[in-house]
Amino acid sequence: MTLILSLPDNLEDQLRARAAAAGQDVEAFVQQVVADSLAQVELKESVVSKLSVDFARRVEAWIGLHPVLDHAVDDSRESIYAGRDE
């Protein structure tokens, strides 16, 4: 793929300087930067996905520790503090 990219002079100067410091021409340097950037995005998405799955598993395990009741529970303030001179 061929892209035509217009950059401000200061960015072009920085890009050329970094490419030279890396011992690459500008085209190879830009290709490497884009490839690295895309790889980082894929890695972050992979990590987030794994963390989401792990979190969901932990939540499901926690929910499994609590029984499902087949009757209503009185969780009103009056019932919670009954007999405590409230």
PDB file of N, CA and C in Angstrom:
ATOM      1  N   MET A   1       0.843  -1.171   0.000  1.00  0.00           N
ATOM      2  CA  MET A   1       0.000   0.000   0.000  1.00  0.00           C
ATOM      3  C   MET A   1       0.887   1.232   0.000  1.00  0.00           C
ATOM      4  N   THR A   2       0.484   2.184  -0.733  1.00  0.00           N
ATOM      5  CA  THR A   2       1.208   3.450  -0.795  1.00  0.00           C
ATOM      6  C   THR A   2       0.326   4.529  -0.191  1.00  0.00           C
ATOM      7  N   LEU A   3       0.877   5.266   0.737  1.00  0.00           N
ATOM      8  CA  LEU A   3       0.165   6.376   1.365  1.00  0.00           C
ATOM      9  C   LEU A   3       0.926   7.662   1.102  1.00  0.00           C
ATOM     10  N   ILE A   4       0.189   8.704   0.901  1.00  0.00           N
ATOM     11  CA  ILE A   4       0.794  10.029   0.804  1.00  0.00           C
ATOM     12  C   ILE A   4       0.387  10.765   2.058  1.00  0.00           C
ATOM     13  N   LEU A   5       1.371  11.229   2.788  1.00  0.00           N
ATOM     14  CA  LEU A   5       1.129  11.825   4.093  1.00  0.00           C
ATOM     15  C   LEU A   5       1.739  13.211   4.146  1.00  0.00           C
ATOM     16  N   SER A   6       0.936  14.174   4.502  1.00  0.00           N
ATOM     17  CA  SER A   6       1.443  15.542   4.657  1.00  0.00           C
ATOM     18  C   SER A   6       1.671  15.805   6.140  1.00  0.00           C
ATOM     19  N   LEU A   7       2.879  16.214   6.456  1.00  0.00           N
ATOM     20  CA  LEU A   7       3.239  16.501   7.844  1.00  0.00           C
ATOM     21  C   LEU A   7       3.737  17.937   7.952  1.00  0.00           C
ATOM     22  N   PRO A   8       3.489  18.567   9.082  1.00  0.00           N
ATOM     23  CA  PRO A   8       4.099  19.879   9.303  1.00  0.00           C
ATOM     24  C   PRO A   8       5.628  19.740   9.306  1.00  0.00           C
ATOM     25  N   ASP A   9       6.293  20.804   8.972  1.00  0.00           N
ATOM     26  CA  ASP A   9       7.754  20.764   8.863  1.00  0.00           C
ATOM     27  C   ASP A   9       8.422  20.254  10.139  1.00  0.00           C
ATOM     28  N   ASN A  10       7.933  20.694  11.306  1.00  0.00           N
ATOM     29  CA  ASN A  10       8.590  20.286  12.560  1.00  0.00           C
ATOM     30  C   ASN A  10       8.451  18.773  12.784  1.00  0.00           C
ATOM     31  N   LEU A  11       7.295  18.181  12.419  1.00  0.00           N
ATOM     32  CA  LEU A  11       7.139  16.733  12.560  1.00  0.00           C
ATOM     33  C   LEU A  11       7.991  15.975  11.550  1.00  0.00           C
ATOM     34  N   GLU A  12       8.080  16.502  10.359  1.00  0.00           N
ATOM     35  CA  GLU A  12       8.916  15.861   9.350  1.00  0.00           C
ATOM     36  C   GLU A  12      10.373  15.854   9.802  1.00  0.00           C
ATOM     37  N   ASP A  13      10.823  16.975  10.355  1.00  0.00           N
ATOM     38  CA  ASP A  13      12.204  17.055  10.846  1.00  0.00           C
ATOM     39  C   ASP A  13      12.443  16.038  11.960  1.00  0.00           C
ATOM     40  N   GLN A  14      11.499  15.930  12.879  1.00  0.00           N
ATOM     41  CA  GLN A  14      11.636  14.965  13.974  1.00  0.00           C
ATOM     42  C   GLN A  14      11.639  13.537  13.448  1.00  0.00           C
ATOM     43  N   LEU A  15      10.763  13.264  12.486  1.00  0.00           N
ATOM     44  CA  LEU A  15      10.682  11.935  11.894  1.00  0.00           C
ATOM     45  C   LEU A  15      11.987  11.564  11.199  1.00  0.00           C
ATOM     46  N   ARG A  16      12.523  12.487  10.427  1.00  0.00           N
ATOM     47  CA  ARG A  16      13.788  12.225   9.733  1.00  0.00           C
ATOM     48  C   ARG A  16      14.937  12.021  10.735  1.00  0.00           C
ATOM     49  N   ALA A  17      14.942  12.807  11.791  1.00  0.00           N
ATOM     50  CA  ALA A  17      15.994  12.680  12.808  1.00  0.00           C
ATOM     51  C   ALA A  17      15.900  11.328  13.518  1.00  0.00           C
ATOM     52  N   ARG A  18      14.705  10.914  13.861  1.00  0.00           N
ATOM     53  CA  ARG A  18      14.548   9.620  14.545  1.00  0.00           C
ATOM     54  C   ARG A  18      14.896   8.458  13.617  1.00  0.00           C
ATOM     55  N   ALA A  19      14.503   8.564  12.369  1.00  0.00           N
ATOM     56  CA  ALA A  19      14.839   7.509  11.407  1.00  0.00           C
ATOM     57  C   ALA A  19      16.355   7.402  11.268  1.00  0.00           C
ATOM     58  N   ALA A  20      17.023   8.541  11.155  1.00  0.00           N
ATOM     59  CA  ALA A  20      18.485   8.536  11.027  1.00  0.00           C
ATOM     60  C   ALA A  20      19.126   7.951  12.280  1.00  0.00           C
ATOM     61  N   ALA A  21      18.595   8.305  13.454  1.00  0.00           N
ATOM     62  CA  ALA A  21      19.148   7.783  14.713  1.00  0.00           C
ATOM     63  C   ALA A  21      18.970   6.264  14.805  1.00  0.00           C
ATOM     64  N   ALA A  22      17.902   5.754  14.193  1.00  0.00           N
ATOM     65  CA  ALA A  22      17.654   4.312  14.194  1.00  0.00           C
ATOM     66  C   ALA A  22      18.397   3.606  13.069  1.00  0.00           C
ATOM     67  N   GLY A  23      19.079   4.390  12.218  1.00  0.00           N
ATOM     68  CA  GLY A  23      19.814   3.803  11.107  1.00  0.00           C
ATOM     69  C   GLY A  23      18.909   3.304   9.994  1.00  0.00           C
ATOM     70  N   GLN A  24      17.749   3.926   9.837  1.00  0.00           N
ATOM     71  CA  GLN A  24      16.801   3.506   8.814  1.00  0.00           C
ATOM     72  C   GLN A  24      16.429   4.694   7.938  1.00  0.00           C
ATOM     73  N   ASP A  25      15.916   4.365   6.757  1.00  0.00           N
ATOM     74  CA  ASP A  25      15.353   5.452   5.959  1.00  0.00           C
ATOM     75  C   ASP A  25      13.948   5.739   6.526  1.00  0.00           C
ATOM     76  N   VAL A  26      13.381   6.848   6.108  1.00  0.00           N
ATOM     77  CA  VAL A  26      12.098   7.285   6.674  1.00  0.00           C
ATOM     78  C   VAL A  26      11.016   6.244   6.426  1.00  0.00           C
ATOM     79  N   GLU A  27      10.962   5.680   5.241  1.00  0.00           N
ATOM     80  CA  GLU A  27       9.908   4.712   4.912  1.00  0.00           C
ATOM     81  C   GLU A  27       9.969   3.488   5.830  1.00  0.00           C
ATOM     82  N   ALA A  28      11.161   2.928   5.998  1.00  0.00           N
ATOM     83  CA  ALA A  28      11.315   1.752   6.861  1.00  0.00           C
ATOM     84  C   ALA A  28      10.990   2.101   8.305  1.00  0.00           C
ATOM     85  N   PHE A  29      11.411   3.292   8.726  1.00  0.00           N
ATOM     86  CA  PHE A  29      11.149   3.720  10.099  1.00  0.00           C
ATOM     87  C   PHE A  29       9.648   3.857  10.346  1.00  0.00           C
ATOM     88  N   VAL A  30       8.937   4.488   9.416  1.00  0.00           N
ATOM     89  CA  VAL A  30       7.490   4.667   9.563  1.00  0.00           C
ATOM     90  C   VAL A  30       6.789   3.310   9.562  1.00  0.00           C
ATOM     91  N   GLN A  31       7.219   2.398   8.694  1.00  0.00           N
ATOM     92  CA  GLN A  31       6.627   1.063   8.677  1.00  0.00           C
ATOM     93  C   GLN A  31       6.794   0.380  10.032  1.00  0.00           C
ATOM     94  N   GLN A  32       7.981   0.508  10.616  1.00  0.00           N
ATOM     95  CA  GLN A  32       8.245  -0.119  11.910  1.00  0.00           C
ATOM     96  C   GLN A  32       7.400   0.516  13.009  1.00  0.00           C
ATOM     97  N   VAL A  33       7.296   1.839  12.999  1.00  0.00           N
ATOM     98  CA  VAL A  33       6.503   2.534  14.009  1.00  0.00           C
ATOM     99  C   VAL A  33       5.028   2.130  13.919  1.00  0.00           C
ATOM    100  N   VAL A  34       4.507   2.060  12.710  1.00  0.00           N
ATOM    101  CA  VAL A  34       3.106   1.663  12.522  1.00  0.00           C
ATOM    102  C   VAL A  34       2.901   0.221  12.967  1.00  0.00           C
ATOM    103  N   ALA A  35       3.812  -0.670  12.583  1.00  0.00           N
ATOM    104  CA  ALA A  35       3.701  -2.077  12.979  1.00  0.00           C
ATOM    105  C   ALA A  35       3.749  -2.218  14.494  1.00  0.00           C
ATOM    106  N   ASP A  36       4.674  -1.514  15.144  1.00  0.00           N
ATOM    107  CA  ASP A  36       4.777  -1.562  16.607  1.00  0.00           C
ATOM    108  C   ASP A  36       3.512  -1.029  17.263  1.00  0.00           C
ATOM    109  N   SER A  37       2.994   0.053  16.727  1.00  0.00           N
ATOM    110  CA  SER A  37       1.779   0.657  17.281  1.00  0.00           C
ATOM    111  C   SER A  37       0.593  -0.297  17.173  1.00  0.00           C
ATOM    112  N   LEU A  38       0.437  -0.921  16.020  1.00  0.00           N
ATOM    113  CA  LEU A  38      -0.664  -1.870  15.838  1.00  0.00           C
ATOM    114  C   LEU A  38      -0.502  -3.077  16.747  1.00  0.00           C
ATOM    115  N   ALA A  39       0.717  -3.539  16.932  1.00  0.00           N
ATOM    116  CA  ALA A  39       0.968  -4.678  17.820  1.00  0.00           C
ATOM    117  C   ALA A  39       0.609  -4.321  19.254  1.00  0.00           C
ATOM    118  N   GLN A  40       0.921  -3.097  19.675  1.00  0.00           N
ATOM    119  CA  GLN A  40       0.581  -2.669  21.030  1.00  0.00           C
ATOM    120  C   GLN A  40      -0.921  -2.615  21.224  1.00  0.00           C
ATOM    121  N   VAL A  41      -1.646  -2.124  20.223  1.00  0.00           N
ATOM    122  CA  VAL A  41      -3.105  -2.066  20.310  1.00  0.00           C
ATOM    123  C   VAL A  41      -3.672  -3.473  20.431  1.00  0.00           C
ATOM    124  N   GLU A  42      -3.173  -4.394  19.619  1.00  0.00           N
ATOM    125  CA  GLU A  42      -3.651  -5.775  19.681  1.00  0.00           C
ATOM    126  C   GLU A  42      -3.338  -6.392  21.034  1.00  0.00           C
ATOM    127  N   LEU A  43      -2.157  -6.126  21.579  1.00  0.00           N
ATOM    128  CA  LEU A  43      -1.792  -6.653  22.888  1.00  0.00           C
ATOM    129  C   LEU A  43      -2.700  -6.099  23.967  1.00  0.00           C
ATOM    130  N   LYS A  44      -2.959  -4.782  23.935  1.00  0.00           N
ATOM    131  CA  LYS A  44      -3.843  -4.176  24.934  1.00  0.00           C
ATOM    132  C   LYS A  44      -5.243  -4.762  24.849  1.00  0.00           C
ATOM    133  N   GLU A  45      -5.753  -4.926  23.623  1.00  0.00           N
ATOM    134  CA  GLU A  45      -7.080  -5.507  23.455  1.00  0.00           C
ATOM    135  C   GLU A  45      -7.112  -6.932  23.987  1.00  0.00           C
ATOM    136  N   SER A  46      -6.048  -7.685  23.761  1.00  0.00           N
ATOM    137  CA  SER A  46      -5.963  -9.053  24.246  1.00  0.00           C
ATOM    138  C   SER A  46      -5.951  -9.090  25.769  1.00  0.00           C
ATOM    139  N   VAL A  47      -5.172  -8.217  26.379  1.00  0.00           N
ATOM    140  CA  VAL A  47      -5.082  -8.169  27.840  1.00  0.00           C
ATOM    141  C   VAL A  47      -6.422  -7.750  28.436  1.00  0.00           C
ATOM    142  N   VAL A  48      -7.054  -6.736  27.861  1.00  0.00           N
ATOM    143  CA  VAL A  48      -8.349  -6.283  28.363  1.00  0.00           C
ATOM    144  C   VAL A  48      -9.374  -7.400  28.243  1.00  0.00           C
ATOM    145  N   SER A  49      -9.361  -8.101  27.124  1.00  0.00           N
ATOM    146  CA  SER A  49     -10.295  -9.205  26.926  1.00  0.00           C
ATOM    147  C   SER A  49     -10.068 -10.287  27.970  1.00  0.00           C
ATOM    148  N   LYS A  50      -8.811 -10.635  28.217  1.00  0.00           N
ATOM    149  CA  LYS A  50      -8.492 -11.664  29.213  1.00  0.00           C
ATOM    150  C   LYS A  50      -8.907 -11.216  30.600  1.00  0.00           C
ATOM    151  N   LEU A  51      -8.642  -9.961  30.933  1.00  0.00           N
ATOM    152  CA  LEU A  51      -9.037  -9.454  32.242  1.00  0.00           C
ATOM    153  C   LEU A  51     -10.551  -9.459  32.399  1.00  0.00           C
ATOM    154  N   SER A  52     -11.264  -9.121  31.335  1.00  0.00           N
ATOM    155  CA  SER A  52     -12.720  -9.126  31.386  1.00  0.00           C
ATOM    156  C   SER A  52     -13.246 -10.535  31.637  1.00  0.00           C
ATOM    157  N   VAL A  53     -12.670 -11.516  30.953  1.00  0.00           N
ATOM    158  CA  VAL A  53     -13.094 -12.904  31.134  1.00  0.00           C
ATOM    159  C   VAL A  53     -12.769 -13.365  32.547  1.00  0.00           C
ATOM    160  N   ASP A  54     -11.574 -13.039  33.039  1.00  0.00           N
ATOM    161  CA  ASP A  54     -11.189 -13.417  34.397  1.00  0.00           C
ATOM    162  C   ASP A  54     -12.109 -12.771  35.426  1.00  0.00           C
ATOM    163  N   PHE A  55     -12.427 -11.505  35.229  1.00  0.00           N
ATOM    164  CA  PHE A  55     -13.308 -10.812  36.155  1.00  0.00           C
ATOM    165  C   PHE A  55     -14.690 -11.462  36.155  1.00  0.00           C
ATOM    166  N   ALA A  56     -15.201 -11.765  34.974  1.00  0.00           N
ATOM    167  CA  ALA A  56     -16.518 -12.396  34.872  1.00  0.00           C
ATOM    168  C   ALA A  56     -16.516 -13.752  35.584  1.00  0.00           C
ATOM    169  N   ARG A  57     -15.443 -14.510  35.455  1.00  0.00           N
ATOM    170  CA  ARG A  57     -15.352 -15.803  36.145  1.00  0.00           C
ATOM    171  C   ARG A  57     -15.346 -15.618  37.656  1.00  0.00           C
ATOM    172  N   ARG A  58     -14.602 -14.620  38.138  1.00  0.00           N
ATOM    173  CA  ARG A  58     -14.567 -14.378  39.587  1.00  0.00           C
ATOM    174  C   ARG A  58     -15.933 -13.950  40.111  1.00  0.00           C
ATOM    175  N   VAL A  59     -16.620 -13.102  39.346  1.00  0.00           N
ATOM    176  CA  VAL A  59     -17.958 -12.668  39.766  1.00  0.00           C
ATOM    177  C   VAL A  59     -18.909 -13.862  39.796  1.00  0.00           C
ATOM    178  N   GLU A  60     -18.872 -14.699  38.775  1.00  0.00           N
ATOM    179  CA  GLU A  60     -19.731 -15.886  38.743  1.00  0.00           C
ATOM    180  C   GLU A  60     -19.427 -16.811  39.917  1.00  0.00           C
ATOM    181  N   ALA A  61     -18.146 -16.990  40.247  1.00  0.00           N
ATOM    182  CA  ALA A  61     -17.774 -17.830  41.391  1.00  0.00           C
ATOM    183  C   ALA A  61     -18.304 -17.231  42.684  1.00  0.00           C
ATOM    184  N   TRP A  62     -18.215 -15.926  42.827  1.00  0.00           N
ATOM    185  CA  TRP A  62     -18.710 -15.260  44.036  1.00  0.00           C
ATOM    186  C   TRP A  62     -20.226 -15.410  44.138  1.00  0.00           C
ATOM    187  N   ILE A  63     -20.897 -15.235  43.013  1.00  0.00           N
ATOM    188  CA  ILE A  63     -22.358 -15.393  43.004  1.00  0.00           C
ATOM    189  C   ILE A  63     -22.725 -16.821  43.400  1.00  0.00           C
ATOM    190  N   GLY A  64     -21.954 -17.777  42.946  1.00  0.00           N
ATOM    191  CA  GLY A  64     -22.214 -19.175  43.275  1.00  0.00           C
ATOM    192  C   GLY A  64     -22.106 -19.481  44.754  1.00  0.00           C
ATOM    193  N   LEU A  65     -21.405 -18.645  45.504  1.00  0.00           N
ATOM    194  CA  LEU A  65     -21.273 -18.850  46.950  1.00  0.00           C
ATOM    195  C   LEU A  65     -22.537 -18.461  47.712  1.00  0.00           C
ATOM    196  N   HIS A  66     -23.421 -17.759  47.065  1.00  0.00           N
ATOM    197  CA  HIS A  66     -24.623 -17.256  47.728  1.00  0.00           C
ATOM    198  C   HIS A  66     -25.842 -18.040  47.260  1.00  0.00           C
ATOM    199  N   PRO A  67     -26.578 -18.612  48.217  1.00  0.00           N
ATOM    200  CA  PRO A  67     -27.733 -19.414  47.830  1.00  0.00           C
ATOM    201  C   PRO A  67     -28.850 -18.557  47.235  1.00  0.00           C
ATOM    202  N   VAL A  68     -29.621 -19.174  46.368  1.00  0.00           N
ATOM    203  CA  VAL A  68     -30.805 -18.524  45.820  1.00  0.00           C
ATOM    204  C   VAL A  68     -31.948 -18.837  46.772  1.00  0.00           C
ATOM    205  N   LEU A  69     -32.594 -17.811  47.273  1.00  0.00           N
ATOM    206  CA  LEU A  69     -33.688 -18.010  48.222  1.00  0.00           C
ATOM    207  C   LEU A  69     -35.014 -18.062  47.480  1.00  0.00           C
ATOM    208  N   ASP A  70     -35.886 -18.908  47.971  1.00  0.00           N
ATOM    209  CA  ASP A  70     -37.198 -19.030  47.344  1.00  0.00           C
ATOM    210  C   ASP A  70     -38.270 -18.266  48.117  1.00  0.00           C
ATOM    211  N   HIS A  71     -37.819 -17.390  49.017  1.00  0.00           N
ATOM    212  CA  HIS A  71     -38.760 -16.575  49.792  1.00  0.00           C
ATOM    213  C   HIS A  71     -38.197 -15.155  49.922  1.00  0.00           C
ATOM    214  N   ALA A  72     -39.094 -14.234  50.248  1.00  0.00           N
ATOM    215  CA  ALA A  72     -38.676 -12.838  50.417  1.00  0.00           C
ATOM    216  C   ALA A  72     -37.917 -12.684  51.724  1.00  0.00           C
ATOM    217  N   VAL A  73     -36.967 -11.780  51.737  1.00  0.00           N
ATOM    218  CA  VAL A  73     -36.186 -11.486  52.932  1.00  0.00           C
ATOM    219  C   VAL A  73     -36.471 -10.048  53.337  1.00  0.00           C
ATOM    220  N   ASP A  74     -36.762  -9.870  54.631  1.00  0.00           N
ATOM    221  CA  ASP A  74     -37.045  -8.521  55.133  1.00  0.00           C
ATOM    222  C   ASP A  74     -35.708  -7.851  55.431  1.00  0.00           C
ATOM    223  N   ASP A  75     -35.306  -6.954  54.568  1.00  0.00           N
ATOM    224  CA  ASP A  75     -34.044  -6.248  54.761  1.00  0.00           C
ATOM    225  C   ASP A  75     -34.284  -4.784  55.100  1.00  0.00           C
ATOM    226  N   SER A  76     -35.425  -4.512  55.699  1.00  0.00           N
ATOM    227  CA  SER A  76     -35.740  -3.138  56.082  1.00  0.00           C
ATOM    228  C   SER A  76     -34.878  -2.721  57.266  1.00  0.00           C
ATOM    229  N   ARG A  77     -34.708  -1.457  57.405  1.00  0.00           N
ATOM    230  CA  ARG A  77     -33.921  -0.911  58.516  1.00  0.00           C
ATOM    231  C   ARG A  77     -34.475  -1.377  59.856  1.00  0.00           C
ATOM    232  N   GLU A  78     -35.811  -1.404  59.955  1.00  0.00           N
ATOM    233  CA  GLU A  78     -36.444  -1.802  61.217  1.00  0.00           C
ATOM    234  C   GLU A  78     -36.089  -3.239  61.587  1.00  0.00           C
ATOM    235  N   SER A  79     -36.060  -4.131  60.598  1.00  0.00           N
ATOM    236  CA  SER A  79     -35.752  -5.525  60.906  1.00  0.00           C
ATOM    237  C   SER A  79     -34.264  -5.713  61.206  1.00  0.00           C
ATOM    238  N   ILE A  80     -33.436  -4.954  60.548  1.00  0.00           N
ATOM    239  CA  ILE A  80     -31.998  -5.097  60.763  1.00  0.00           C
ATOM    240  C   ILE A  80     -31.615  -4.638  62.175  1.00  0.00           C
ATOM    241  N   TYR A  81     -32.206  -3.540  62.627  1.00  0.00           N
ATOM    242  CA  TYR A  81     -31.828  -2.976  63.917  1.00  0.00           C
ATOM    243  C   TYR A  81     -32.832  -3.279  65.021  1.00  0.00           C
ATOM    244  N   ALA A  82     -33.698  -4.242  64.816  1.00  0.00           N
ATOM    245  CA  ALA A  82     -34.686  -4.588  65.833  1.00  0.00           C
ATOM    246  C   ALA A  82     -34.002  -5.022  67.122  1.00  0.00           C
ATOM    247  N   GLY A  83     -34.469  -4.505  68.245  1.00  0.00           N
ATOM    248  CA  GLY A  83     -33.931  -4.878  69.538  1.00  0.00           C
ATOM    249  C   GLY A  83     -32.650  -4.168  69.923  1.00  0.00           C
ATOM    250  N   ARG A  84     -32.273  -3.149  69.196  1.00  0.00           N
ATOM    251  CA  ARG A  84     -31.033  -2.425  69.505  1.00  0.00           C
ATOM    252  C   ARG A  84     -31.339  -1.010  69.969  1.00  0.00           C
ATOM    253  N   ASP A  85     -32.517  -0.802  70.469  1.00  0.00           N
ATOM    254  CA  ASP A  85     -32.938   0.509  70.976  1.00  0.00           C
ATOM    255  C   ASP A  85     -32.772   1.607  69.942  1.00  0.00           C
ATOM    256  N   GLU A  86     -33.070   1.292  68.716  1.00  0.00           N
ATOM    257  CA  GLU A  86     -33.004   2.286  67.639  1.00  0.00           C
ATOM    258  C   GLU A  86     -34.329   2.945  67.494  1.00  0.00           C
TER     259      GLU A  86
END
